[in-house]
Amino acid sequence: MGEELRFEVSAPLLACASDVVRVEAEAYDEGNRRVPVSVGNLSVNAGLVTVTVSLTPATPGSYALRVFFEPSLGLVQLSATVAVEQAAVPIVESFPEPMWNCSDGVTRTQAGAVLCSRLQRVTVYRGGVPVDVFDGAGVVVVGDVVWSVTPGGVLQRRVDGDGGLTLTGELPGFFTGASPAAGEHSETVAVRDLAGRRYLTQVRWDADAGLALSGSGAFAAPFQGFAVPQDDDVWQVSSVGSLADLTQPDDPLLLPGTVGGIGPEGAWVSLDRDTTLGLVVRPFTLSSPRLARVPLPSGFVLASEEVSTMRRAAVVPRLSNQLNPSEPRLVLPSWRDGSITLEVWRPAGELLNLTPAWIITHEANGKTLRFYPRPRTTP
């Protein structure tokens, strides 16, 4: 964004064409507004007419480019996706042991508690020093609220505040092999385990009543997948690429592509043989889903994530470069202001974990971590 984009565009030179070749171009941004474009460096070689077309995008998003070769030599249409360069000053902390030992993940609250999960035990660090340990797995953090499930199947809610990480509520009867799908501070969705059957259940927090099952009920999950709450809406994505809503569990929507992420904004999918990124946008109806799309940058695909198990209640989408797997940039799609935006990050170190709120990297020794705060999304 703000930098000139250049495209070399060619068309075949027909034998009957006159010696005078004219080339015109036009470009439009995502809002179908015309963008200034220039054409130069016209050349004819080996039966091809080639020109350089340049434009400078002022906003991120998808751009459409049309190049006309006259007389009657053809029309070339191109599309490009303009990303936003993101940068943030990371929070750097050192720890007494390599944090890659946290085999079930590392995450962080906004107030500064770093949680290391390993073998159903969670160690809490503050300022790089261990200050607490509790039994739990499937840790999910939203702001300063921490959700987890104990080895005994008790769903727990904690809040990180002035007094440290404080247990504020617990509810028994949940499946230990699945992490909760955290919504905002007042609610979550977790998997109940009743007489050997597993149910997706919405849970609400009330300052007076504590944790309680929501009045929206529960349904027996017909497949393994993800569930993400927002307001009274719960989604579940299956391993075969269908999506169901809590209110319509027996009428799933077949998604138009391979799932590569799921979050409060919707389900991220690969379209058109991995050349296009799609998002089934909230809110939606099964009969008429809203689908946003944007062309993928050359060589990039939506990274494949495991979606056949409920051990992860949400997957942050990211793009990987098939042409250059060691590409140091991190490209993350997000949903902002009603359209898909691609964020380009250049974090130092190796990627350790990626959450909706943080990009977490580590140095070679694994003891020094960098926490890059991500901008809040706008579903």
Protein backbone atom coordinates (compact mmCIF):
# COMPACT_ATOMS: atom_id res chain seq x y z
CA MET A 1 0.00 0.00 0.00
CA GLY A 2 1.39 3.38 -1.01
CA GLU A 3 4.07 1.76 -3.18
CA GLU A 4 4.03 1.51 -6.96
CA LEU A 5 2.92 -1.81 -8.46
CA ARG A 6 4.24 -2.77 -11.88
CA PHE A 7 2.91 -5.44 -14.23
CA GLU A 8 4.40 -6.64 -17.51
CA VAL A 9 1.49 -7.42 -19.82
CA SER A 10 1.69 -9.02 -23.26
CA ALA A 11 -0.60 -9.78 -26.19
CA PRO A 12 0.09 -11.58 -29.50
CA LEU A 13 0.82 -9.34 -32.47
CA LEU A 14 -1.33 -10.53 -35.35
CA ALA A 15 0.14 -10.52 -38.85
CA CYS A 16 -2.71 -8.34 -40.09
CA ALA A 17 -2.27 -5.71 -37.39
CA SER A 18 -0.97 -2.33 -38.37
CA ASP A 19 2.48 -1.19 -37.33
CA VAL A 20 0.94 1.31 -34.92
CA VAL A 21 -0.08 -0.44 -31.70
CA ARG A 22 -2.04 1.44 -29.05
CA VAL A 23 -2.31 0.24 -25.46
CA GLU A 24 -4.73 1.62 -22.87
CA ALA A 25 -5.30 0.48 -19.29
CA GLU A 26 -7.75 1.08 -16.48
CA ALA A 27 -7.75 -0.02 -12.85
CA TYR A 28 -10.40 -0.14 -10.13
CA ASP A 29 -10.15 -0.63 -6.39
CA GLU A 30 -12.37 -2.81 -4.23
CA GLY A 31 -15.05 -0.13 -4.09
CA ASN A 32 -15.11 0.01 -7.91
CA ARG A 33 -13.45 3.42 -7.83
CA ARG A 34 -11.14 4.23 -10.72
CA VAL A 35 -7.43 4.36 -9.87
CA PRO A 36 -4.82 6.31 -11.88
CA VAL A 37 -2.73 3.99 -14.04
CA SER A 38 0.15 4.54 -16.47
CA VAL A 39 1.39 2.56 -19.47
CA GLY A 40 4.99 2.58 -20.70
CA ASN A 41 7.95 0.62 -22.10
CA LEU A 42 6.07 -0.70 -25.13
CA SER A 43 8.08 -3.27 -27.08
CA VAL A 44 7.49 -5.80 -29.84
CA ASN A 45 9.47 -9.04 -29.77
CA ALA A 46 8.93 -12.57 -31.07
CA GLY A 47 5.36 -11.84 -32.08
CA LEU A 48 4.35 -10.30 -28.74
CA VAL A 49 3.48 -6.75 -27.76
CA THR A 50 4.63 -6.10 -24.19
CA VAL A 51 4.04 -3.05 -21.98
CA THR A 52 4.62 -2.10 -18.36
CA VAL A 53 1.47 -1.03 -16.51
CA SER A 54 1.93 0.85 -13.20
CA LEU A 55 -0.41 1.97 -10.44
CA THR A 56 0.00 3.13 -6.83
CA PRO A 57 -2.75 1.77 -4.52
CA ALA A 58 -3.81 4.10 -1.73
CA THR A 59 -5.87 1.54 0.20
CA PRO A 60 -5.58 -2.20 0.86
CA GLY A 61 -7.81 -4.73 -0.83
CA SER A 62 -8.46 -6.23 -4.23
CA TYR A 63 -7.69 -4.34 -7.45
CA ALA A 64 -8.91 -5.12 -10.97
CA LEU A 65 -6.75 -4.15 -13.97
CA ARG A 66 -7.79 -4.21 -17.63
CA VAL A 67 -5.34 -3.64 -20.48
CA PHE A 68 -6.61 -3.03 -24.03
CA PHE A 69 -4.36 -3.72 -27.02
CA GLU A 70 -5.44 -1.99 -30.24
CA PRO A 71 -6.19 -2.42 -33.01
CA SER A 72 -8.21 -5.46 -31.90
CA LEU A 73 -5.25 -7.37 -30.44
CA GLY A 74 -7.03 -8.38 -27.30
CA LEU A 75 -7.92 -7.59 -23.71
CA VAL A 76 -5.90 -8.74 -20.68
CA GLN A 77 -7.55 -8.72 -17.24
CA LEU A 78 -5.53 -8.99 -14.04
CA SER A 79 -6.29 -8.88 -10.35
CA ALA A 80 -4.02 -8.01 -7.45
CA THR A 81 -4.37 -8.00 -3.69
CA VAL A 82 -2.76 -5.14 -1.79
CA ALA A 83 -1.69 -5.98 1.76
CA VAL A 84 -1.08 -3.80 4.81
CA GLU A 85 2.38 -3.77 6.32
CA GLN A 86 1.91 -4.25 10.06
CA ALA A 87 4.45 -3.46 12.74
CA ALA A 88 4.25 -3.43 16.52
CA VAL A 89 6.77 -3.07 19.30
CA PRO A 90 6.93 -6.54 20.86
CA ILE A 91 6.87 -7.32 24.55
CA VAL A 92 10.12 -9.22 25.19
CA GLU A 93 10.38 -11.62 28.13
CA SER A 94 12.99 -14.19 29.21
CA PHE A 95 12.06 -17.45 30.91
CA PRO A 96 14.05 -19.97 32.98
CA GLU A 97 13.41 -22.85 30.54
CA PRO A 98 12.81 -23.22 26.79
CA MET A 99 9.17 -22.40 26.15
CA TRP A 100 8.90 -24.91 23.32
CA ASN A 101 8.55 -27.40 26.19
CA CYS A 102 5.00 -26.05 26.48
CA SER A 103 3.78 -28.83 24.19
CA ASP A 104 0.13 -27.75 24.39
CA GLY A 105 0.78 -24.09 23.67
CA VAL A 106 1.84 -20.70 25.01
CA THR A 107 -0.51 -17.75 25.24
CA ARG A 108 -0.83 -14.48 27.13
CA THR A 109 -3.43 -12.28 28.79
CA GLN A 110 -3.59 -8.56 28.13
CA ALA A 111 -2.59 -7.94 31.76
CA GLY A 112 0.66 -9.85 31.28
CA ALA A 113 0.21 -13.42 32.53
CA VAL A 114 1.97 -15.92 30.23
CA LEU A 115 0.42 -19.40 30.32
CA CYS A 116 2.45 -22.49 29.42
CA SER A 117 0.34 -25.64 28.91
CA ARG A 118 1.87 -29.09 29.09
CA LEU A 119 0.41 -32.50 29.98
CA GLN A 120 -2.79 -31.03 31.48
CA ARG A 121 -0.82 -28.66 33.70
CA VAL A 122 -0.65 -24.90 33.23
CA THR A 123 2.26 -22.85 34.58
CA VAL A 124 1.60 -19.14 34.94
CA TYR A 125 4.52 -16.74 34.47
CA ARG A 126 4.66 -13.05 35.18
CA GLY A 127 7.70 -11.06 34.17
CA GLY A 128 9.39 -14.35 33.20
CA VAL A 129 8.98 -15.79 36.71
CA PRO A 130 6.64 -18.73 37.50
CA VAL A 131 4.00 -17.54 39.97
CA ASP A 132 1.27 -20.19 39.83
CA VAL A 133 0.36 -23.66 38.57
CA PHE A 134 -3.07 -25.20 38.02
CA ASP A 135 -4.50 -28.36 36.46
CA GLY A 136 -6.06 -27.75 33.08
CA ALA A 137 -5.96 -28.22 29.33
CA GLY A 138 -7.40 -26.55 26.25
CA VAL A 139 -6.46 -23.09 27.52
CA VAL A 140 -8.16 -20.25 25.64
CA VAL A 141 -7.62 -16.56 26.44
CA VAL A 142 -9.88 -13.66 25.51
CA GLY A 143 -8.51 -10.38 26.83
CA ASP A 144 -7.88 -11.11 30.50
CA VAL A 145 -10.32 -14.04 30.76
CA VAL A 146 -8.88 -17.57 30.74
CA TRP A 147 -11.00 -20.65 29.99
CA SER A 148 -9.77 -24.21 30.54
CA VAL A 149 -10.98 -27.74 31.34
CA THR A 150 -9.48 -29.76 34.22
CA PRO A 151 -8.47 -33.44 33.88
CA GLY A 152 -11.67 -34.22 35.80
CA GLY A 153 -13.85 -32.46 33.20
CA VAL A 154 -14.55 -29.22 35.07
CA LEU A 155 -14.85 -26.11 32.90
CA GLN A 156 -13.12 -23.21 34.68
CA ARG A 157 -13.09 -19.46 34.14
CA ARG A 158 -10.33 -17.24 35.51
CA VAL A 159 -9.68 -13.52 35.27
CA ASP A 160 -6.27 -11.87 35.32
CA GLY A 161 -6.43 -8.72 37.41
CA ASP A 162 -4.64 -6.80 40.14
CA GLY A 163 -4.69 -9.85 42.40
CA GLY A 164 -3.29 -12.16 39.74
CA LEU A 165 -5.17 -14.98 38.02
CA THR A 166 -8.38 -15.51 40.00
CA LEU A 167 -10.81 -18.42 39.61
CA THR A 168 -14.27 -16.91 39.10
CA GLY A 169 -16.40 -19.92 38.17
CA GLU A 170 -16.47 -23.61 37.38
CA LEU A 171 -18.95 -26.10 35.95
CA PRO A 172 -18.54 -29.92 35.84
CA GLY A 173 -19.38 -32.43 33.12
CA PHE A 174 -17.17 -31.38 30.21
CA PHE A 175 -14.95 -33.27 27.76
CA THR A 176 -11.26 -32.95 28.64
CA GLY A 177 -10.03 -33.54 25.08
CA ALA A 178 -11.45 -30.33 23.64
CA SER A 179 -10.63 -26.70 24.28
CA PRO A 180 -13.50 -24.28 24.86
CA ALA A 181 -14.37 -21.95 22.00
CA ALA A 182 -14.04 -18.65 23.79
CA GLY A 183 -16.28 -15.76 22.94
CA GLU A 184 -16.26 -12.48 24.74
CA HIS A 185 -15.80 -12.39 28.49
CA SER A 186 -19.39 -13.38 29.28
CA GLU A 187 -19.66 -16.60 27.32
CA THR A 188 -18.00 -19.65 25.84
CA VAL A 189 -18.85 -22.90 24.12
CA ALA A 190 -17.46 -26.19 25.36
CA VAL A 191 -18.05 -29.90 24.82
CA ARG A 192 -20.09 -31.70 27.47
CA ASP A 193 -19.59 -35.39 28.08
CA LEU A 194 -22.87 -36.98 29.17
CA ALA A 195 -23.16 -40.77 29.36
CA GLY A 196 -20.56 -41.18 26.65
CA ARG A 197 -22.20 -38.71 24.25
CA ARG A 198 -20.66 -35.34 23.46
CA TYR A 199 -22.67 -32.16 23.13
CA LEU A 200 -21.77 -28.65 22.15
CA THR A 201 -23.03 -26.46 24.94
CA GLN A 202 -23.13 -22.71 25.31
CA VAL A 203 -22.10 -21.43 28.73
CA ARG A 204 -22.69 -17.93 30.10
CA TRP A 205 -21.04 -16.04 32.91
CA ASP A 206 -23.00 -13.88 35.33
CA ALA A 207 -21.37 -11.92 38.15
CA ASP A 208 -24.09 -13.04 40.59
CA ALA A 209 -24.89 -16.56 39.37
CA GLY A 210 -21.46 -17.59 38.10
CA LEU A 211 -21.26 -20.07 35.21
CA ALA A 212 -24.48 -21.59 33.90
CA LEU A 213 -25.65 -23.45 30.81
CA SER A 214 -27.21 -21.06 28.34
CA GLY A 215 -30.90 -21.21 27.52
CA SER A 216 -29.99 -21.72 23.85
CA GLY A 217 -29.51 -25.40 24.63
CA ALA A 218 -27.16 -27.97 23.17
CA PHE A 219 -27.10 -30.45 20.33
CA ALA A 220 -25.43 -33.79 19.81
CA ALA A 221 -22.57 -33.01 17.45
CA PRO A 222 -22.97 -35.10 14.28
CA PHE A 223 -19.30 -34.56 13.45
CA GLN A 224 -16.09 -33.37 14.98
CA GLY A 225 -15.24 -29.71 14.25
CA PHE A 226 -15.06 -26.22 15.65
CA ALA A 227 -17.60 -24.07 17.44
CA VAL A 228 -17.30 -20.33 17.85
CA PRO A 229 -19.80 -18.19 19.75
CA GLN A 230 -20.83 -14.64 19.09
CA ASP A 231 -23.96 -13.27 20.71
CA ASP A 232 -26.43 -16.19 20.51
CA ASP A 233 -24.76 -17.69 17.46
CA VAL A 234 -22.71 -20.92 17.55
CA TRP A 235 -21.00 -22.43 14.54
CA GLN A 236 -19.50 -25.85 14.04
CA VAL A 237 -17.25 -26.75 11.09
CA SER A 238 -16.78 -30.38 10.13
CA SER A 239 -13.78 -32.24 8.79
CA VAL A 240 -15.64 -32.75 5.49
CA GLY A 241 -16.21 -29.04 5.02
CA SER A 242 -19.76 -28.43 6.21
CA LEU A 243 -20.97 -25.82 8.66
CA ALA A 244 -23.86 -26.04 11.09
CA ASP A 245 -25.51 -23.53 13.40
CA LEU A 246 -26.71 -24.33 16.90
CA THR A 247 -30.25 -23.37 15.90
CA GLN A 248 -30.18 -25.54 12.75
CA PRO A 249 -27.91 -28.53 13.57
CA ASP A 250 -29.65 -30.94 11.17
CA ASP A 251 -29.37 -28.64 8.15
CA PRO A 252 -25.64 -28.03 7.60
CA LEU A 253 -24.24 -25.79 4.87
CA LEU A 254 -21.68 -27.36 2.53
CA LEU A 255 -18.79 -24.91 2.39
CA PRO A 256 -17.49 -23.96 -1.08
CA GLY A 257 -13.85 -24.85 -0.40
CA THR A 258 -11.29 -26.35 1.97
CA VAL A 259 -11.45 -24.90 5.48
CA GLY A 260 -8.25 -23.18 6.63
CA GLY A 261 -9.47 -21.19 9.62
CA ILE A 262 -12.45 -20.43 11.83
CA GLY A 263 -13.09 -17.50 14.14
CA PRO A 264 -15.63 -14.89 15.24
CA GLU A 265 -15.65 -13.38 11.75
CA GLY A 266 -16.51 -16.63 9.96
CA ALA A 267 -15.04 -19.66 8.19
CA TRP A 268 -11.98 -19.14 5.94
CA VAL A 269 -11.85 -21.32 2.82
CA SER A 270 -9.67 -21.88 -0.25
CA LEU A 271 -11.52 -21.24 -3.53
CA ASP A 272 -10.85 -21.71 -7.24
CA ARG A 273 -8.10 -24.31 -6.83
CA ASP A 274 -6.27 -22.33 -4.16
CA THR A 275 -6.08 -19.10 -6.17
CA THR A 276 -8.70 -17.24 -4.13
CA LEU A 277 -9.27 -16.72 -0.42
CA GLY A 278 -12.89 -16.83 0.71
CA LEU A 279 -14.67 -16.03 3.95
CA VAL A 280 -18.18 -17.17 4.86
CA VAL A 281 -19.10 -14.02 6.75
CA ARG A 282 -21.21 -13.68 9.86
CA PRO A 283 -24.11 -13.37 10.06
CA PHE A 284 -25.28 -15.89 7.48
CA THR A 285 -28.23 -18.05 6.60
CA LEU A 286 -27.83 -21.61 5.43
CA SER A 287 -29.92 -20.89 2.35
CA SER A 288 -27.96 -17.77 1.44
CA PRO A 289 -24.47 -17.59 2.96
CA ARG A 290 -22.53 -14.37 2.62
CA LEU A 291 -19.21 -15.01 0.91
CA ALA A 292 -16.37 -12.49 0.64
CA ARG A 293 -13.39 -13.28 -1.56
CA VAL A 294 -10.01 -11.87 -2.54
CA PRO A 295 -7.30 -13.15 -4.96
CA LEU A 296 -4.33 -14.76 -3.23
CA PRO A 297 -0.86 -13.29 -3.88
CA SER A 298 1.20 -15.30 -6.36
CA GLY A 299 2.69 -18.40 -4.74
CA PHE A 300 0.66 -18.11 -1.51
CA VAL A 301 -2.04 -20.54 -0.37
CA LEU A 302 -4.23 -20.76 2.70
CA ALA A 303 -2.19 -22.88 5.12
CA SER A 304 -3.73 -26.29 5.72
CA GLU A 305 -4.82 -26.80 9.32
CA GLU A 306 -6.23 -29.89 10.98
CA VAL A 307 -9.99 -29.43 11.25
CA SER A 308 -11.10 -32.97 12.06
CA THR A 309 -10.73 -32.76 15.83
CA MET A 310 -12.24 -30.58 18.50
CA ARG A 311 -8.97 -30.20 20.37
CA ARG A 312 -8.72 -26.74 18.83
CA ALA A 313 -11.84 -24.67 19.03
CA ALA A 314 -10.57 -22.02 16.63
CA VAL A 315 -7.84 -21.82 14.03
CA VAL A 316 -6.24 -18.49 13.12
CA PRO A 317 -5.94 -18.38 9.31
CA ARG A 318 -2.57 -17.69 7.72
CA LEU A 319 -1.03 -17.88 4.27
CA SER A 320 2.03 -19.93 3.36
CA ASN A 321 4.35 -19.39 0.41
CA GLN A 322 4.58 -22.60 -1.61
CA LEU A 323 7.28 -21.18 -3.88
CA ASN A 324 9.49 -20.10 -0.97
CA PRO A 325 8.65 -21.97 2.26
CA SER A 326 11.42 -20.13 4.13
CA GLU A 327 9.80 -16.76 3.34
CA PRO A 328 10.38 -14.63 6.47
CA ARG A 329 7.16 -12.66 6.12
CA LEU A 330 4.02 -13.75 7.94
CA VAL A 331 0.86 -13.06 5.93
CA LEU A 332 -2.39 -13.11 7.91
CA PRO A 333 -5.87 -12.48 6.51
CA SER A 334 -8.34 -10.55 8.64
CA TRP A 335 -11.85 -9.15 8.31
CA ARG A 336 -11.92 -5.37 8.77
CA ASP A 337 -14.47 -2.75 7.87
CA GLY A 338 -16.50 -5.12 5.74
CA SER A 339 -13.73 -6.58 3.59
CA ILE A 340 -10.81 -9.01 3.68
CA THR A 341 -7.45 -7.43 4.48
CA LEU A 342 -4.07 -9.16 4.26
CA GLU A 343 -1.64 -8.21 7.02
CA VAL A 344 2.08 -8.59 6.35
CA TRP A 345 4.23 -9.04 9.46
CA ARG A 346 8.00 -9.39 9.76
CA PRO A 347 8.45 -10.64 13.34
CA ALA A 348 11.91 -11.46 14.65
CA GLY A 349 12.61 -15.05 15.69
CA GLU A 350 10.77 -18.30 14.99
CA LEU A 351 7.00 -18.51 15.21
CA LEU A 352 5.89 -20.27 18.41
CA ASN A 353 2.15 -19.57 18.49
CA LEU A 354 -0.44 -17.53 16.69
CA THR A 355 -3.64 -16.33 18.40
CA PRO A 356 -6.25 -13.73 17.47
CA ALA A 357 -4.51 -11.32 19.88
CA TRP A 358 -0.81 -12.23 19.66
CA ILE A 359 2.00 -13.31 17.34
CA ILE A 360 4.44 -15.15 19.61
CA THR A 361 8.01 -15.89 18.48
CA HIS A 362 11.08 -17.30 20.22
CA GLU A 363 14.84 -16.96 19.93
CA ALA A 364 17.10 -19.93 19.15
CA ASN A 365 17.45 -20.93 22.83
CA GLY A 366 13.67 -20.96 23.30
CA LYS A 367 13.93 -18.92 26.51
CA THR A 368 13.40 -15.46 25.04
CA LEU A 369 9.92 -14.77 23.66
CA ARG A 370 8.50 -11.83 21.75
CA PHE A 371 4.79 -11.04 21.97
CA TYR A 372 3.53 -8.90 19.07
CA PRO A 373 0.04 -7.48 19.74
CA ARG A 374 -2.33 -7.79 16.78
CA PRO A 375 -5.02 -5.21 15.94
CA ARG A 376 -8.48 -6.18 17.12
CA THR A 377 -10.70 -7.55 14.37
CA THR A 378 -14.09 -6.12 13.54
CA PRO A 379 -16.50 -8.98 12.75
